[in-house]
Each structure stands twice: as C-alpha cells, then as structure tokens.
Amino acid sequence: MVAPEVPLHHDRLDYTPLPKSVTLARRRAHRLLTEWGHPELAPDTALLVSELGGNAVLHGCLRDRLFRVELTLTERAVRIAVSDPKGELRPNLREVTEGDMFGRGLLIVGQIADRLGRARAHRG
C-alpha cells in the first residue's frame, strides 16, 4: 500500500455561479502557485481552473448554488479539483467540428493535464 502524499499547500474556495467568478478563480490559482514557489506551473494551472470552472458555471451550476475550486500542492503534483452542485453528472468528451463554438474545453484540459503529468515540480 502506498502512503498518501502529504500536502505542502492546500486552498479551497467556493464561488458564485457567474462567469466573473471563473476569472477570479483563474487569477487566484495563478497567484497561489506563484506564492507557493512554482511560477512555472501557474499559467497552466490557471488555464485548467478556467476551463473546469467555465464548465461548472455553464453546465453544472444551479441558481444560488456555489461551485468549488480546490488546489493541492504535494512534492510531486498539483491537484486541481472543481466541483459543482450537479456533481453526479460527469463531463464527457464530444466530437466537435470546425464550426462549433463550444466543446473543446475538456480536450484542452486533457492535453494540458497530460503535459503537466510529465513535468515535475522542483524545489529550488
């Protein structure tokens, strides 16, 4: 059995289900990763928070119910968790065409998460 990693830093904040909250969450994620000593991870983390937060606002929120963004930094990983009141509905990748205005967010999230999964955070 592998022992769970001990968080070096953790942050959790609930947001109102409005588009401006996605901007606030993105900025907070960027600032926190920088303050936690990993400015090289801040832009991608902020982008992931933005995409997942946007999905929460667009597809998962109910009126007057908040969505939550949690960031956890361990020795080896940044964990990004975004939850909303419709948590039982899991997002699915879908086919998109060139003319589609929406539907690429989870593709972006997957590609960036894969890239981050290969990168290691180094203490310096």
C-alpha atoms as a PDB file:
ATOM      1  CA  MET A   1       0.000   0.000   0.000  1.00  0.00           C
ATOM      2  CA  VAL A   2       1.327   3.411  -0.997  1.00  0.00           C
ATOM      3  CA  ALA A   3       1.150   6.132   1.640  1.00  0.00           C
ATOM      4  CA  PRO A   4      -0.793   9.213   0.546  1.00  0.00           C
ATOM      5  CA  GLU A   5       1.254  12.278  -0.265  1.00  0.00           C
ATOM      6  CA  VAL A   6       1.279  14.978   2.363  1.00  0.00           C
ATOM      7  CA  PRO A   7       0.000  18.308   1.034  1.00  0.00           C
ATOM      8  CA  LEU A   8       2.541  21.110   1.141  1.00  0.00           C
ATOM      9  CA  HIS A   9      -0.179  23.660   0.389  1.00  0.00           C
ATOM     10  CA  HIS A  10      -3.944  23.485   0.047  1.00  0.00           C
ATOM     11  CA  ASP A  11      -6.585  26.029  -0.893  1.00  0.00           C
ATOM     12  CA  ARG A  12     -10.351  25.719  -1.217  1.00  0.00           C
ATOM     13  CA  LEU A  13     -12.803  28.443  -2.135  1.00  0.00           C
ATOM     14  CA  ASP A  14     -16.452  28.485  -3.196  1.00  0.00           C
ATOM     15  CA  TYR A  15     -17.615  30.801  -5.968  1.00  0.00           C
ATOM     16  CA  THR A  16     -20.944  32.131  -7.172  1.00  0.00           C
ATOM     17  CA  PRO A  17     -22.054  30.556 -10.471  1.00  0.00           C
ATOM     18  CA  LEU A  18     -21.237  33.586 -12.624  1.00  0.00           C
ATOM     19  CA  PRO A  19     -18.737  33.990 -15.470  1.00  0.00           C
ATOM     20  CA  LYS A  20     -16.813  36.640 -13.487  1.00  0.00           C
ATOM     21  CA  SER A  21     -16.163  34.011 -10.808  1.00  0.00           C
ATOM     22  CA  VAL A  22     -14.232  31.940 -13.338  1.00  0.00           C
ATOM     23  CA  THR A  23     -11.923  34.912 -13.880  1.00  0.00           C
ATOM     24  CA  LEU A  24     -11.471  35.299 -10.117  1.00  0.00           C
ATOM     25  CA  ALA A  25     -10.707  31.589  -9.696  1.00  0.00           C
ATOM     26  CA  ARG A  26      -8.194  31.651 -12.554  1.00  0.00           C
ATOM     27  CA  ARG A  27      -6.378  34.667 -11.109  1.00  0.00           C
ATOM     28  CA  ARG A  28      -6.337  33.130  -7.627  1.00  0.00           C
ATOM     29  CA  ALA A  29      -4.882  29.856  -8.937  1.00  0.00           C
ATOM     30  CA  HIS A  30      -2.121  31.724 -10.770  1.00  0.00           C
ATOM     31  CA  ARG A  31      -1.289  33.808  -7.700  1.00  0.00           C
ATOM     32  CA  LEU A  32      -1.282  30.822  -5.342  1.00  0.00           C
ATOM     33  CA  LEU A  33       1.024  28.673  -7.481  1.00  0.00           C
ATOM     34  CA  THR A  34       3.405  31.615  -7.738  1.00  0.00           C
ATOM     35  CA  GLU A  35       3.283  32.225  -3.974  1.00  0.00           C
ATOM     36  CA  TRP A  36       3.786  28.510  -3.333  1.00  0.00           C
ATOM     37  CA  GLY A  37       7.088  28.692  -5.215  1.00  0.00           C
ATOM     38  CA  HIS A  38       6.071  27.246  -8.581  1.00  0.00           C
ATOM     39  CA  PRO A  39       5.557  30.136 -11.001  1.00  0.00           C
ATOM     40  CA  GLU A  40       6.381  27.782 -13.901  1.00  0.00           C
ATOM     41  CA  LEU A  41       3.160  25.855 -13.154  1.00  0.00           C
ATOM     42  CA  ALA A  42       0.968  28.928 -12.621  1.00  0.00           C
ATOM     43  CA  PRO A  43      -0.137  29.606 -16.243  1.00  0.00           C
ATOM     44  CA  ASP A  44      -1.218  26.024 -16.985  1.00  0.00           C
ATOM     45  CA  THR A  45      -2.861  25.648 -13.585  1.00  0.00           C
ATOM     46  CA  ALA A  46      -4.775  28.877 -14.143  1.00  0.00           C
ATOM     47  CA  LEU A  47      -5.896  27.720 -17.585  1.00  0.00           C
ATOM     48  CA  LEU A  48      -7.122  24.377 -16.203  1.00  0.00           C
ATOM     49  CA  VAL A  49      -9.035  26.130 -13.422  1.00  0.00           C
ATOM     50  CA  SER A  50     -10.560  28.457 -16.004  1.00  0.00           C
ATOM     51  CA  GLU A  51     -11.703  25.639 -18.304  1.00  0.00           C
ATOM     52  CA  LEU A  52     -13.081  23.494 -15.477  1.00  0.00           C
ATOM     53  CA  GLY A  53     -14.676  26.485 -13.748  1.00  0.00           C
ATOM     54  CA  GLY A  54     -16.272  27.556 -17.016  1.00  0.00           C
ATOM     55  CA  ASN A  55     -17.749  24.081 -17.430  1.00  0.00           C
ATOM     56  CA  ALA A  56     -19.069  24.210 -13.863  1.00  0.00           C
ATOM     57  CA  VAL A  57     -20.780  27.555 -14.474  1.00  0.00           C
ATOM     58  CA  LEU A  58     -22.121  26.617 -17.905  1.00  0.00           C
ATOM     59  CA  HIS A  59     -23.208  23.029 -17.288  1.00  0.00           C
ATOM     60  CA  GLY A  60     -23.093  22.163 -13.612  1.00  0.00           C
ATOM     61  CA  CYS A  61     -24.372  25.010 -11.516  1.00  0.00           C
ATOM     62  CA  LEU A  62     -27.804  25.613 -10.181  1.00  0.00           C
ATOM     63  CA  ARG A  63     -29.091  29.052  -9.324  1.00  0.00           C
ATOM     64  CA  ASP A  64     -27.871  30.200  -5.915  1.00  0.00           C
ATOM     65  CA  ARG A  65     -25.586  27.137  -5.529  1.00  0.00           C
ATOM     66  CA  LEU A  66     -21.844  27.635  -5.447  1.00  0.00           C
ATOM     67  CA  PHE A  67     -19.082  25.807  -7.277  1.00  0.00           C
ATOM     68  CA  ARG A  68     -15.818  24.929  -5.528  1.00  0.00           C
ATOM     69  CA  VAL A  69     -12.204  25.104  -6.633  1.00  0.00           C
ATOM     70  CA  GLU A  70      -9.564  23.203  -4.658  1.00  0.00           C
ATOM     71  CA  LEU A  71      -5.836  23.291  -5.279  1.00  0.00           C
ATOM     72  CA  THR A  72      -3.417  20.982  -3.513  1.00  0.00           C
ATOM     73  CA  LEU A  73       0.342  21.028  -3.980  1.00  0.00           C
ATOM     74  CA  THR A  74       2.388  17.997  -2.948  1.00  0.00           C
ATOM     75  CA  GLU A  75       6.039  17.141  -3.559  1.00  0.00           C
ATOM     76  CA  ARG A  76       5.160  15.559  -6.900  1.00  0.00           C
ATOM     77  CA  ALA A  77       1.871  17.035  -8.111  1.00  0.00           C
ATOM     78  CA  VAL A  78      -0.626  19.845  -8.299  1.00  0.00           C
ATOM     79  CA  ARG A  79      -4.153  18.541  -7.824  1.00  0.00           C
ATOM     80  CA  ILE A  80      -6.931  20.680  -9.276  1.00  0.00           C
ATOM     81  CA  ALA A  81     -10.490  19.808  -8.272  1.00  0.00           C
ATOM     82  CA  VAL A  82     -13.558  21.725  -9.409  1.00  0.00           C
ATOM     83  CA  SER A  83     -16.941  20.579  -8.157  1.00  0.00           C
ATOM     84  CA  ASP A  84     -20.447  21.854  -8.684  1.00  0.00           C
ATOM     85  CA  PRO A  85     -23.985  21.087  -7.461  1.00  0.00           C
ATOM     86  CA  LYS A  86     -24.579  18.666 -10.340  1.00  0.00           C
ATOM     87  CA  GLY A  87     -21.603  16.553  -9.330  1.00  0.00           C
ATOM     88  CA  GLU A  88     -23.355  13.355 -10.319  1.00  0.00           C
ATOM     89  CA  LEU A  89     -23.190  14.426 -13.985  1.00  0.00           C
ATOM     90  CA  ARG A  90     -19.714  13.612 -15.252  1.00  0.00           C
ATOM     91  CA  PRO A  91     -18.438  15.683 -18.184  1.00  0.00           C
ATOM     92  CA  ASN A  92     -17.866  13.769 -21.399  1.00  0.00           C
ATOM     93  CA  LEU A  93     -15.636  14.439 -24.366  1.00  0.00           C
ATOM     94  CA  ARG A  94     -17.622  15.015 -27.517  1.00  0.00           C
ATOM     95  CA  GLU A  95     -16.971  15.277 -31.205  1.00  0.00           C
ATOM     96  CA  VAL A  96     -16.580  18.848 -32.358  1.00  0.00           C
ATOM     97  CA  THR A  97     -16.481  20.255 -35.838  1.00  0.00           C
ATOM     98  CA  GLU A  98     -14.574  23.248 -37.105  1.00  0.00           C
ATOM     99  CA  GLY A  99     -17.628  25.496 -36.826  1.00  0.00           C
ATOM    100  CA  ASP A 100     -18.552  24.554 -33.240  1.00  0.00           C
ATOM    101  CA  MET A 101     -18.261  27.391 -30.730  1.00  0.00           C
ATOM    102  CA  PHE A 102     -18.126  25.080 -27.696  1.00  0.00           C
ATOM    103  CA  GLY A 103     -16.974  21.587 -26.840  1.00  0.00           C
ATOM    104  CA  ARG A 104     -13.191  21.834 -26.816  1.00  0.00           C
ATOM    105  CA  GLY A 105     -12.633  22.587 -23.123  1.00  0.00           C
ATOM    106  CA  LEU A 106     -12.161  19.005 -21.968  1.00  0.00           C
ATOM    107  CA  LEU A 107      -9.771  18.347 -24.851  1.00  0.00           C
ATOM    108  CA  ILE A 108      -7.696  21.302 -23.704  1.00  0.00           C
ATOM    109  CA  VAL A 109      -7.842  20.121 -20.097  1.00  0.00           C
ATOM    110  CA  GLY A 110      -6.722  16.622 -21.093  1.00  0.00           C
ATOM    111  CA  GLN A 111      -3.792  17.844 -23.177  1.00  0.00           C
ATOM    112  CA  ILE A 112      -2.522  20.255 -20.534  1.00  0.00           C
ATOM    113  CA  ALA A 113      -3.007  17.759 -17.711  1.00  0.00           C
ATOM    114  CA  ASP A 114      -1.066  15.160 -19.696  1.00  0.00           C
ATOM    115  CA  ARG A 115       1.749  17.638 -20.233  1.00  0.00           C
ATOM    116  CA  LEU A 116       1.769  18.637 -16.547  1.00  0.00           C
ATOM    117  CA  GLY A 117       1.669  14.986 -15.566  1.00  0.00           C
ATOM    118  CA  ARG A 118       5.027  14.515 -17.215  1.00  0.00           C
ATOM    119  CA  ALA A 119       6.548  17.636 -15.667  1.00  0.00           C
ATOM    120  CA  ARG A 120       7.952  17.505 -12.166  1.00  0.00           C
ATOM    121  CA  ALA A 121       7.788  20.347  -9.696  1.00  0.00           C
ATOM    122  CA  HIS A 122      11.254  21.061  -8.360  1.00  0.00           C
ATOM    123  CA  ARG A 123      12.028  22.828  -5.141  1.00  0.00           C
ATOM    124  CA  GLY A 124      14.702  25.392  -5.531  1.00  0.00           C
END
